Protein backbone atom coordinates (compact mmCIF):
# COMPACT_ATOMS: atom_id res chain seq x y z
CA MET A 1 128.95 103.42 82.73
CA LEU A 2 130.44 106.05 80.48
CA ALA A 3 133.87 105.85 82.11
CA GLY A 4 136.44 105.36 79.38
CA TYR A 5 134.24 107.08 76.82
CA LEU A 6 133.36 110.40 78.41
CA VAL A 7 135.62 112.55 80.56
CA ASN A 8 133.96 114.83 83.13
CA ALA A 9 130.57 114.28 81.50
CA PRO A 10 127.36 112.77 82.97
CA ARG A 11 126.01 109.38 81.94
CA TYR A 12 123.02 111.26 80.60
CA PRO A 13 121.49 114.68 81.39
CA ARG A 14 119.50 115.12 84.56
CA PRO A 15 115.69 115.41 84.32
CA SER A 16 114.56 118.50 82.39
CA SER A 17 118.16 119.32 81.47
CA HIS A 18 119.54 120.00 78.01
CA PHE A 19 122.83 119.10 76.43
CA VAL A 20 124.48 122.37 75.43
CA GLY A 21 127.95 123.63 74.58
CA GLU A 22 130.84 121.64 76.03
CA GLU A 23 128.54 119.03 77.57
CA LEU A 24 127.02 118.26 74.17
CA GLU A 25 130.43 118.01 72.56
CA ALA A 26 131.64 115.69 75.34
CA PHE A 27 128.67 113.48 74.62
CA ARG A 28 129.53 113.51 70.91
CA VAL A 29 133.10 112.44 71.72
CA GLY A 30 131.74 109.58 73.82
CA VAL A 31 129.53 108.31 71.01
CA THR A 32 132.44 108.64 68.57
CA ARG A 33 134.58 106.40 70.79
CA PHE A 34 131.73 103.88 71.02
CA VAL A 35 131.48 103.84 67.23
CA GLU A 36 135.24 103.40 66.80
CA GLN A 37 135.59 100.63 69.39
CA GLU A 38 132.29 98.77 69.25
CA MET A 39 130.85 99.25 65.76
CA ARG A 40 133.47 99.77 63.05
CA PRO A 41 135.50 96.63 63.83
CA ASN A 42 132.33 94.52 63.43
CA ALA A 43 130.54 96.38 60.62
CA GLU A 44 131.45 94.08 57.73
CA ARG A 45 130.62 90.94 59.72
CA TRP A 46 127.23 92.34 60.73
CA GLU A 47 126.40 93.34 57.16
CA GLN A 48 127.18 89.82 55.98
CA ALA A 49 125.24 88.20 58.82
CA GLY A 50 122.20 90.41 58.31
CA GLU A 51 122.05 91.40 61.99
CA VAL A 52 124.14 92.97 64.73
CA ASP A 53 125.25 91.15 67.86
CA ARG A 54 122.68 91.33 70.63
CA ALA A 55 125.52 92.46 72.90
CA LEU A 56 125.61 95.78 71.02
CA TYR A 57 122.22 96.69 72.49
CA ARG A 58 123.43 95.92 76.00
CA ARG A 59 126.61 97.95 75.50
CA ALA A 60 124.72 100.95 74.14
CA ALA A 61 122.35 100.72 77.11
CA GLU A 62 125.24 100.61 79.59
CA LEU A 63 126.49 103.88 78.12
CA GLY A 64 123.10 105.56 78.46
CA PHE A 65 122.46 105.88 74.72
CA PHE A 66 118.90 104.54 74.77
CA GLY A 67 115.93 106.74 75.58
CA LEU A 68 117.87 109.98 75.87
CA ARG A 69 114.64 111.99 75.82
CA TYR A 70 112.51 109.64 77.94
CA ASP A 71 111.54 109.76 81.61
CA PRO A 72 114.49 109.02 83.96
CA ALA A 73 112.08 107.08 86.20
CA TYR A 74 112.26 104.26 83.64
CA GLY A 75 115.92 104.68 82.73
CA GLY A 76 115.69 107.50 80.20
CA GLY A 77 117.79 110.63 80.02
CA GLY A 78 115.21 113.41 80.38
CA ALA A 79 116.89 115.44 77.59
CA ASP A 80 115.48 116.95 74.41
CA PHE A 81 115.87 115.68 70.87
CA LEU A 82 119.15 117.49 70.25
CA ALA A 83 121.08 114.78 72.12
CA THR A 84 119.32 112.09 70.07
CA THR A 85 120.25 113.92 66.87
CA VAL A 86 123.93 114.00 67.86
CA LEU A 87 123.75 110.30 68.72
CA CYS A 88 122.35 109.52 65.26
CA GLU A 89 124.92 111.64 63.45
CA GLU A 90 127.73 109.75 65.14
CA LEU A 91 126.21 106.27 64.87
CA ALA A 92 125.92 106.78 61.11
CA LYS A 93 129.73 106.95 60.94
CA GLY A 94 130.11 103.32 62.00
CA ASP A 95 130.52 101.94 58.43
CA SER A 96 127.17 100.13 58.76
CA ILE A 97 124.03 102.23 58.52
CA GLY A 98 122.16 99.00 59.22
CA ALA A 99 123.72 98.78 62.68
CA ALA A 100 122.70 102.38 63.39
CA VAL A 101 119.16 101.62 62.21
CA ALA A 102 119.00 98.51 64.40
CA LEU A 103 119.81 100.53 67.53
CA MET A 104 117.46 103.40 66.76
CA ALA A 105 114.61 101.17 65.56
CA HIS A 106 114.72 99.83 69.10
CA SER A 107 115.29 103.03 71.08
CA GLU A 108 113.28 105.53 69.04
CA PHE A 109 110.88 103.74 66.71
CA ALA A 110 109.59 101.03 69.06
CA LEU A 111 109.69 102.94 72.34
CA SER A 112 108.63 106.53 71.63
CA VAL A 113 104.88 105.93 71.69
CA MET A 114 105.22 103.61 74.69
CA ALA A 115 107.27 106.19 76.62
CA ALA A 116 104.64 108.86 76.02
CA GLU A 117 101.31 107.02 76.11
CA ALA A 118 101.58 103.68 77.93
CA SER A 119 100.54 102.88 81.47
CA HIS A 120 103.03 102.56 84.31
CA ASP A 121 102.64 98.77 84.22
CA ILE A 122 103.48 98.59 80.50
CA LYS A 123 106.45 100.92 80.94
CA SER A 124 107.73 98.79 83.81
CA GLU A 125 107.31 95.53 81.86
CA PHE A 126 108.61 96.66 78.46
CA LEU A 127 110.15 100.15 78.44
CA ALA A 128 112.42 99.86 81.49
CA PRO A 129 114.12 96.59 80.45
CA ALA A 130 114.38 97.86 76.87
CA LEU A 131 116.31 100.92 78.04
CA LYS A 132 118.65 98.55 79.91
CA GLY A 133 119.25 96.54 76.73
CA GLU A 134 117.61 93.48 78.29
CA LYS A 135 114.77 93.36 75.75
CA ILE A 136 114.76 94.40 72.09
CA GLY A 137 111.74 96.18 70.66
CA ALA A 138 110.23 96.68 67.20
CA ILE A 139 107.42 98.81 65.81
CA GLY A 140 104.83 96.79 63.89
CA VAL A 141 102.84 98.89 61.43
CA SER A 142 103.53 98.03 57.75
CA GLU A 143 101.57 95.21 56.12
CA PRO A 144 101.61 93.66 52.64
CA GLY A 145 98.67 95.88 51.66
CA ALA A 146 99.31 98.90 53.89
CA GLY A 147 102.66 100.66 54.07
CA SER A 148 102.51 104.44 54.02
CA ASP A 149 98.70 104.15 54.04
CA VAL A 150 98.52 103.25 57.71
CA ALA A 151 94.75 103.78 57.83
CA SER A 152 94.34 100.66 55.65
CA ILE A 153 95.95 98.14 58.02
CA GLN A 154 94.02 94.88 58.43
CA CYS A 155 95.79 93.06 61.29
CA ARG A 156 92.94 92.72 63.75
CA ALA A 157 92.56 92.45 67.52
CA GLU A 158 89.22 91.06 68.71
CA ARG A 159 88.08 91.06 72.32
CA ASP A 160 87.79 87.69 74.04
CA GLY A 161 87.06 88.06 77.73
CA ALA A 162 89.89 90.06 79.28
CA ASP A 163 92.15 89.47 76.27
CA PHE A 164 92.66 90.43 72.64
CA LEU A 165 93.01 87.75 69.97
CA ILE A 166 95.27 89.11 67.23
CA THR A 167 95.21 87.80 63.68
CA GLY A 168 97.04 89.15 60.64
CA GLN A 169 100.43 89.88 59.11
CA LYS A 170 103.15 92.54 59.22
CA THR A 171 106.06 93.01 56.84
CA PHE A 172 109.25 95.08 56.47
CA ILE A 173 109.52 95.17 60.27
CA SER A 174 112.95 96.36 61.46
CA ASN A 175 114.19 94.21 64.39
CA GLY A 176 111.17 91.99 63.75
CA PRO A 177 112.98 88.64 63.54
CA ARG A 178 114.66 89.10 66.94
CA ALA A 179 112.31 91.41 68.85
CA ASP A 180 111.24 90.48 72.37
CA PHE A 181 108.19 92.73 72.03
CA ILE A 182 106.42 94.81 69.40
CA SER A 183 104.59 98.11 69.66
CA LEU A 184 101.89 96.70 67.41
CA ALA A 185 99.33 98.61 65.34
CA VAL A 186 96.08 96.66 65.07
CA ARG A 187 92.50 97.25 64.07
CA THR A 188 90.19 97.11 67.07
CA GLY A 189 87.32 98.99 65.45
CA GLY A 190 85.83 99.71 62.06
CA GLY A 191 87.53 100.86 58.88
CA GLY A 192 89.71 103.93 58.53
CA SER A 193 91.99 105.68 60.98
CA GLY A 194 89.51 105.71 63.86
CA GLY A 195 89.60 101.94 64.28
CA ILE A 196 93.34 101.63 64.96
CA SER A 197 94.92 100.93 68.34
CA LEU A 198 98.42 100.13 69.60
CA ILE A 199 99.23 97.12 71.76
CA ALA A 200 102.41 96.04 73.58
CA PHE A 201 102.87 92.55 72.16
CA PRO A 202 105.41 90.09 73.67
CA THR A 203 106.79 87.83 70.97
CA ASN A 204 106.85 84.72 73.18
CA THR A 205 103.05 84.69 72.75
CA ARG A 206 101.56 81.50 71.31
CA GLY A 207 100.28 82.10 67.79
CA PHE A 208 103.10 84.45 66.82
CA SER A 209 105.69 83.45 64.22
CA VAL A 210 108.43 85.03 62.12
CA GLY A 211 108.40 84.45 58.37
CA ARG A 212 111.12 85.40 55.91
CA ARG A 213 114.08 87.57 56.76
CA LEU A 214 113.93 90.06 53.93
CA GLN A 215 117.01 90.73 51.83
CA LYS A 216 117.77 94.40 51.15
CA LEU A 217 120.15 96.36 48.93
CA GLY A 218 121.48 98.33 51.90
CA ALA A 219 121.23 98.55 55.69
CA ARG A 220 121.62 94.79 55.73
CA ALA A 221 122.75 94.66 59.38
CA SER A 222 119.26 95.82 60.34
CA ASP A 223 117.32 92.54 60.44
CA THR A 224 113.97 93.01 58.72
CA GLY A 225 111.22 90.44 58.40
CA GLU A 226 107.67 89.22 58.02
CA LEU A 227 105.57 88.61 61.14
CA PHE A 228 102.45 86.47 61.48
CA PHE A 229 99.71 86.43 64.13
CA ASP A 230 97.29 83.51 64.36
CA ARG A 231 94.80 84.24 67.13
CA ALA A 232 97.67 85.34 69.35
CA ARG A 233 96.28 86.12 72.79
CA VAL A 234 97.43 89.13 74.83
CA PRO A 235 95.72 90.81 77.80
CA GLN A 236 93.67 93.94 77.14
CA ARG A 237 95.79 95.72 79.76
CA ASN A 238 98.58 95.74 77.11
CA LEU A 239 96.67 98.41 75.19
CA ILE A 240 98.93 101.47 74.78
CA GLY A 241 96.98 104.60 75.64
CA GLU A 242 93.33 104.72 74.59
CA GLU A 243 91.60 102.33 72.23
CA GLY A 244 90.98 103.82 68.79
CA GLN A 245 93.67 106.48 69.20
CA GLY A 246 96.46 104.53 67.50
CA MET A 247 96.53 106.63 64.34
CA LYS A 248 96.78 109.81 66.38
CA TYR A 249 99.69 108.34 68.35
CA ILE A 250 101.43 107.22 65.18
CA LEU A 251 101.19 110.68 63.63
CA ALA A 252 102.31 112.39 66.84
CA HIS A 253 105.20 110.18 67.89
CA PHE A 254 106.61 108.88 64.63
CA ALA A 255 107.96 112.37 64.02
CA GLY A 256 110.96 111.22 66.06
CA GLU A 257 111.49 108.34 63.63
CA ARG A 258 111.55 110.81 60.74
CA LEU A 259 114.09 112.99 62.54
CA VAL A 260 116.33 109.98 63.18
CA ILE A 261 116.27 109.10 59.49
CA ALA A 262 116.91 112.74 58.57
CA ALA A 263 119.99 112.81 60.83
CA PHE A 264 121.30 109.63 59.18
CA ALA A 265 120.63 111.08 55.73
CA LEU A 266 122.34 114.37 56.56
CA PHE A 267 125.54 112.61 57.59
CA LEU A 268 125.51 110.36 54.53
CA MET A 269 124.98 113.30 52.18
CA ASN A 270 127.85 115.18 53.82
CA ALA A 271 130.07 112.10 53.60
CA VAL A 272 129.34 111.54 49.92
CA GLY A 273 129.69 115.25 49.17
CA GLY A 274 133.12 115.30 50.77
CA ARG A 275 134.35 112.56 48.43
CA ILE A 276 133.13 114.15 45.21
C-alpha cells in the first residue's frame, strides 16, 4: 500500500479519474519518497551488476506504480498519461536511469499493447500478474537486421495444429535476460508490415534461450540482451489482437514508449542545464 509514502492520497485514481492539482502533487511526493528510499541507496550497485533487484518490481507494484493508465479490472489505475509522465520524471531522479528504464520497459513498453488489444484470457495470465510485480515483461521487436525498420523483421511464427512454432532472433531487448514473458513481434504472413503479428510469449517455453547480455555505455542497470527462438511452441490463443495487425498495434501503442523516454530526457536535460 501507499501508506508511508502518500498522505491522504489514493493508491491510484479511480476508474476514469484524472490526477489533478493537489492529488497529482501528492502522487509526485509519493514517488519521490520511493526514489529516495528504494532506488538511490542501490543505484551504484545496480549499475555495476547490470540489473536491478527483482524486489524493486514487487515494491513498485505494491505502491500502485505499474499500469497507471490501464484497466482497474486487471490491477491498473484507470488514469490518463499525465500520472505516468509524473512517475517517469521522478523515477529519473534515482541516480540510475537504467533502473527507471527497467521499471518502465516492464510497465509501459511490454504491457501497453497487451492492455489495449489482448483477450481477457491473455490479460488474466500475463497482464494481471505483471501489474502485481509477480511477472516481469519485455517487448520483443528489434532484430540484428531490423531495428527502426520494424517492417523488415524476420522472426517467424508458423502454424502447427493449434500452435505457433517460432524461429528467429531478437536483440537489444530491455528486460530480455530476466523476462517471464515477451510481447513478441513475429512474422505470420508475407513480407512487409502486413505480415506482422504480436504474440504473448512465456519464456519458460522449450526452444527459447537468452544469448549475450549486452554491455552499454549508459543505463547499465537496465538488463539488455539477445534472445533466440528455435521452433518454440506457443498456443495460437496467445495471439494479441488480430493476426497481421501487429504493425498497426506497434505504431498505435508505442507512442507511450516514446513519451516515457521524452519524460526521462526532459528531466535529464533540466538536471544538466542546472549544473552548467
